[in-house]
């Protein structure tokens, strides 16, 4: 784990200390980790929603053909063997 020092105004420090106490965090570090994890989850959700919207806007869905499945299987197989040549 890496250490990071941050500077905060006294009002923010007091707020954080109150949150740590009120919310049952073990430390200010745990409180900040929770905040950052929440931000990471929100960002991942936004990225997923953007990809889903892009897919929805790309046109109507088409059925997968046997050739599509075979192409996908071949690509996975090739990728696997690039990463694990002895498998």
N, C-alpha and C. Protein backbone atom coordinates (compact mmCIF):
# COMPACT_ATOMS: atom_id res chain seq x y z
N UNK A 1 0.85 -1.17 0.00
CA UNK A 1 0.00 0.00 0.00
C UNK A 1 0.90 1.23 0.00
N UNK A 2 0.48 2.24 -0.78
CA UNK A 2 1.24 3.47 -0.90
C UNK A 2 0.64 4.54 -0.01
N UNK A 3 1.47 5.38 0.54
CA UNK A 3 1.02 6.49 1.38
C UNK A 3 0.86 7.73 0.53
N UNK A 4 -0.19 8.50 0.81
CA UNK A 4 -0.44 9.76 0.12
C UNK A 4 -0.79 10.79 1.18
N UNK A 5 -0.13 11.90 1.17
CA UNK A 5 -0.44 12.99 2.09
C UNK A 5 -1.25 14.05 1.35
N UNK A 6 -2.30 14.53 2.00
CA UNK A 6 -3.11 15.59 1.40
C UNK A 6 -3.28 16.72 2.40
N UNK A 7 -3.47 17.92 1.88
CA UNK A 7 -3.71 19.09 2.72
C UNK A 7 -5.18 19.47 2.62
N UNK A 8 -5.77 19.74 3.78
CA UNK A 8 -7.18 20.10 3.82
C UNK A 8 -7.37 21.31 4.72
N UNK A 9 -8.37 22.14 4.39
CA UNK A 9 -8.72 23.22 5.32
C UNK A 9 -9.27 22.61 6.62
N UNK A 10 -9.18 23.37 7.70
CA UNK A 10 -9.63 22.88 9.01
C UNK A 10 -11.08 22.40 8.99
N UNK A 11 -11.95 23.10 8.24
CA UNK A 11 -13.37 22.72 8.21
C UNK A 11 -13.54 21.33 7.59
N UNK A 12 -12.77 21.04 6.54
CA UNK A 12 -12.86 19.72 5.91
C UNK A 12 -12.31 18.66 6.84
N UNK A 13 -11.22 18.94 7.50
CA UNK A 13 -10.64 17.97 8.43
C UNK A 13 -11.66 17.63 9.52
N UNK A 14 -12.33 18.64 10.05
CA UNK A 14 -13.33 18.41 11.10
C UNK A 14 -14.49 17.59 10.54
N UNK A 15 -14.92 17.88 9.32
CA UNK A 15 -16.00 17.12 8.70
C UNK A 15 -15.61 15.65 8.55
N UNK A 16 -14.40 15.41 8.06
CA UNK A 16 -13.93 14.04 7.86
C UNK A 16 -13.84 13.30 9.19
N UNK A 17 -13.30 13.95 10.19
CA UNK A 17 -13.20 13.32 11.51
C UNK A 17 -14.60 12.97 12.03
N UNK A 18 -15.58 13.86 11.81
CA UNK A 18 -16.95 13.58 12.24
C UNK A 18 -17.53 12.39 11.46
N UNK A 19 -17.28 12.34 10.15
CA UNK A 19 -17.77 11.23 9.34
C UNK A 19 -17.16 9.91 9.79
N UNK A 20 -15.88 9.92 10.06
CA UNK A 20 -15.20 8.71 10.52
C UNK A 20 -15.88 8.20 11.78
N UNK A 21 -16.14 9.11 12.70
CA UNK A 21 -16.76 8.73 13.97
C UNK A 21 -18.22 8.30 13.77
N UNK A 22 -18.99 9.10 13.05
CA UNK A 22 -20.42 8.83 12.88
C UNK A 22 -20.70 7.58 12.04
N UNK A 23 -19.91 7.36 11.03
CA UNK A 23 -20.15 6.26 10.10
C UNK A 23 -19.42 4.97 10.49
N UNK A 24 -18.61 5.03 11.52
CA UNK A 24 -17.95 3.83 12.03
C UNK A 24 -16.71 3.40 11.26
N UNK A 25 -16.07 4.34 10.57
CA UNK A 25 -14.82 4.01 9.88
C UNK A 25 -13.71 3.87 10.92
N UNK A 26 -12.75 3.02 10.63
CA UNK A 26 -11.64 2.81 11.55
C UNK A 26 -10.65 3.98 11.52
N UNK A 27 -10.61 4.67 10.38
CA UNK A 27 -9.65 5.77 10.23
C UNK A 27 -10.06 6.66 9.07
N UNK A 28 -9.41 7.81 8.97
CA UNK A 28 -9.64 8.70 7.84
C UNK A 28 -9.22 8.01 6.54
N UNK A 29 -8.19 7.20 6.59
CA UNK A 29 -7.74 6.47 5.41
C UNK A 29 -8.85 5.54 4.89
N UNK A 30 -9.50 4.83 5.81
CA UNK A 30 -10.58 3.94 5.41
C UNK A 30 -11.72 4.74 4.78
N UNK A 31 -12.02 5.90 5.36
CA UNK A 31 -13.07 6.78 4.84
C UNK A 31 -12.72 7.21 3.41
N UNK A 32 -11.49 7.65 3.18
CA UNK A 32 -11.07 8.08 1.85
C UNK A 32 -11.07 6.90 0.86
N UNK A 33 -10.63 5.73 1.29
CA UNK A 33 -10.68 4.56 0.41
C UNK A 33 -12.11 4.29 -0.04
N UNK A 34 -13.05 4.40 0.89
CA UNK A 34 -14.45 4.19 0.56
C UNK A 34 -14.94 5.23 -0.45
N UNK A 35 -14.54 6.48 -0.27
CA UNK A 35 -14.92 7.53 -1.22
C UNK A 35 -14.35 7.25 -2.61
N UNK A 36 -13.09 6.86 -2.66
CA UNK A 36 -12.45 6.59 -3.95
C UNK A 36 -13.08 5.37 -4.62
N UNK A 37 -13.35 4.32 -3.85
CA UNK A 37 -14.00 3.13 -4.43
C UNK A 37 -15.38 3.48 -4.98
N UNK A 38 -16.09 4.34 -4.29
CA UNK A 38 -17.40 4.79 -4.78
C UNK A 38 -17.25 5.53 -6.10
N UNK A 39 -16.25 6.39 -6.18
CA UNK A 39 -16.00 7.14 -7.42
C UNK A 39 -15.61 6.19 -8.55
N UNK A 40 -14.79 5.19 -8.25
CA UNK A 40 -14.39 4.21 -9.27
C UNK A 40 -15.61 3.44 -9.78
N UNK A 41 -16.51 3.06 -8.89
CA UNK A 41 -17.71 2.33 -9.29
C UNK A 41 -18.61 3.21 -10.17
N UNK A 42 -18.76 4.49 -9.79
CA UNK A 42 -19.58 5.40 -10.59
C UNK A 42 -18.99 5.57 -11.99
N UNK A 43 -17.67 5.71 -12.07
CA UNK A 43 -17.01 5.87 -13.37
C UNK A 43 -17.19 4.62 -14.22
N UNK A 44 -17.01 3.44 -13.62
CA UNK A 44 -17.18 2.18 -14.36
C UNK A 44 -18.63 2.06 -14.85
N UNK A 45 -19.58 2.45 -14.03
CA UNK A 45 -20.99 2.39 -14.43
C UNK A 45 -21.25 3.35 -15.59
N UNK A 46 -20.69 4.56 -15.53
CA UNK A 46 -20.86 5.51 -16.62
C UNK A 46 -20.26 4.97 -17.92
N UNK A 47 -19.09 4.35 -17.83
CA UNK A 47 -18.44 3.79 -19.02
C UNK A 47 -19.26 2.64 -19.60
N UNK A 48 -19.81 1.80 -18.73
CA UNK A 48 -20.65 0.70 -19.18
C UNK A 48 -21.92 1.23 -19.85
N UNK A 49 -22.54 2.22 -19.23
CA UNK A 49 -23.75 2.80 -19.81
C UNK A 49 -23.46 3.43 -21.17
N UNK A 50 -22.29 4.09 -21.31
CA UNK A 50 -21.92 4.68 -22.59
C UNK A 50 -21.75 3.60 -23.65
N UNK A 51 -21.13 2.48 -23.28
CA UNK A 51 -20.96 1.37 -24.23
C UNK A 51 -22.31 0.76 -24.60
N UNK A 52 -23.19 0.62 -23.62
CA UNK A 52 -24.52 0.08 -23.91
C UNK A 52 -25.30 1.01 -24.84
N UNK A 53 -25.22 2.33 -24.58
CA UNK A 53 -25.89 3.29 -25.45
C UNK A 53 -25.32 3.25 -26.86
N UNK A 54 -24.00 3.14 -26.96
CA UNK A 54 -23.35 3.03 -28.27
C UNK A 54 -23.86 1.80 -29.01
N UNK A 55 -23.98 0.69 -28.29
CA UNK A 55 -24.47 -0.54 -28.91
C UNK A 55 -25.92 -0.37 -29.36
N UNK A 56 -26.74 0.26 -28.52
CA UNK A 56 -28.14 0.46 -28.88
C UNK A 56 -28.28 1.36 -30.11
N UNK A 57 -27.40 2.35 -30.22
CA UNK A 57 -27.46 3.30 -31.33
C UNK A 57 -26.82 2.75 -32.61
N UNK A 58 -26.16 1.61 -32.53
CA UNK A 58 -25.43 1.08 -33.68
C UNK A 58 -26.34 0.41 -34.70
N UNK A 59 -27.60 0.27 -34.39
CA UNK A 59 -28.53 -0.34 -35.32
C UNK A 59 -29.17 -1.57 -34.74
N UNK A 60 -30.03 -2.18 -35.51
CA UNK A 60 -30.75 -3.35 -35.00
C UNK A 60 -29.81 -4.54 -34.82
N UNK A 61 -30.17 -5.37 -33.87
CA UNK A 61 -29.39 -6.58 -33.61
C UNK A 61 -29.58 -7.56 -34.76
N UNK A 62 -28.55 -8.33 -35.01
CA UNK A 62 -28.64 -9.38 -36.03
C UNK A 62 -28.32 -10.71 -35.36
N UNK A 63 -28.97 -11.77 -35.82
CA UNK A 63 -28.71 -13.08 -35.20
C UNK A 63 -27.27 -13.54 -35.47
N UNK A 64 -26.71 -14.22 -34.49
CA UNK A 64 -25.38 -14.81 -34.65
C UNK A 64 -25.50 -16.02 -35.56
N UNK A 65 -24.60 -16.09 -36.52
CA UNK A 65 -24.57 -17.25 -37.41
C UNK A 65 -23.56 -18.27 -36.88
N UNK A 66 -23.59 -19.45 -37.43
CA UNK A 66 -22.61 -20.47 -37.06
C UNK A 66 -21.22 -19.96 -37.37
N UNK A 67 -21.05 -19.26 -38.49
CA UNK A 67 -19.75 -18.70 -38.87
C UNK A 67 -19.28 -17.67 -37.84
N UNK A 68 -20.20 -16.84 -37.34
CA UNK A 68 -19.84 -15.87 -36.30
C UNK A 68 -19.28 -16.57 -35.08
N UNK A 69 -19.98 -17.64 -34.64
CA UNK A 69 -19.54 -18.38 -33.45
C UNK A 69 -18.18 -19.04 -33.68
N UNK A 70 -17.99 -19.60 -34.88
CA UNK A 70 -16.72 -20.25 -35.19
C UNK A 70 -15.58 -19.24 -35.23
N UNK A 71 -15.85 -18.06 -35.77
CA UNK A 71 -14.83 -17.00 -35.81
C UNK A 71 -14.47 -16.57 -34.39
N UNK A 72 -15.48 -16.40 -33.55
CA UNK A 72 -15.23 -15.99 -32.17
C UNK A 72 -14.44 -17.07 -31.43
N UNK A 73 -14.82 -18.32 -31.61
CA UNK A 73 -14.12 -19.42 -30.96
C UNK A 73 -12.66 -19.47 -31.41
N UNK A 74 -12.42 -19.29 -32.71
CA UNK A 74 -11.06 -19.32 -33.24
C UNK A 74 -10.22 -18.18 -32.64
N UNK A 75 -10.80 -16.99 -32.55
CA UNK A 75 -10.07 -15.85 -31.98
C UNK A 75 -9.71 -16.09 -30.52
N UNK A 76 -10.64 -16.63 -29.76
CA UNK A 76 -10.36 -16.94 -28.35
C UNK A 76 -9.26 -17.99 -28.26
N UNK A 77 -9.37 -19.03 -29.07
CA UNK A 77 -8.37 -20.10 -29.08
C UNK A 77 -6.99 -19.54 -29.42
N UNK A 78 -6.91 -18.70 -30.45
CA UNK A 78 -5.63 -18.10 -30.86
C UNK A 78 -5.07 -17.19 -29.76
N UNK A 79 -5.94 -16.40 -29.17
CA UNK A 79 -5.50 -15.51 -28.09
C UNK A 79 -4.98 -16.31 -26.90
N UNK A 80 -5.69 -17.37 -26.56
CA UNK A 80 -5.27 -18.22 -25.44
C UNK A 80 -3.89 -18.81 -25.71
N UNK A 81 -3.68 -19.29 -26.92
CA UNK A 81 -2.42 -19.93 -27.24
C UNK A 81 -1.27 -18.93 -27.40
N UNK A 82 -1.56 -17.68 -27.65
CA UNK A 82 -0.52 -16.66 -27.64
C UNK A 82 -0.04 -16.42 -26.21
N UNK A 83 -0.98 -16.43 -25.28
CA UNK A 83 -0.66 -16.20 -23.87
C UNK A 83 -0.14 -17.45 -23.17
N UNK A 84 -0.53 -18.64 -23.65
CA UNK A 84 -0.16 -19.92 -23.03
C UNK A 84 0.28 -20.88 -24.13
N UNK A 85 1.48 -20.71 -24.69
CA UNK A 85 1.90 -21.50 -25.84
C UNK A 85 1.94 -23.02 -25.61
N UNK A 86 2.10 -23.47 -24.39
CA UNK A 86 2.21 -24.92 -24.13
C UNK A 86 0.86 -25.58 -23.87
N UNK A 87 -0.20 -24.80 -23.82
CA UNK A 87 -1.54 -25.37 -23.53
C UNK A 87 -2.10 -26.07 -24.74
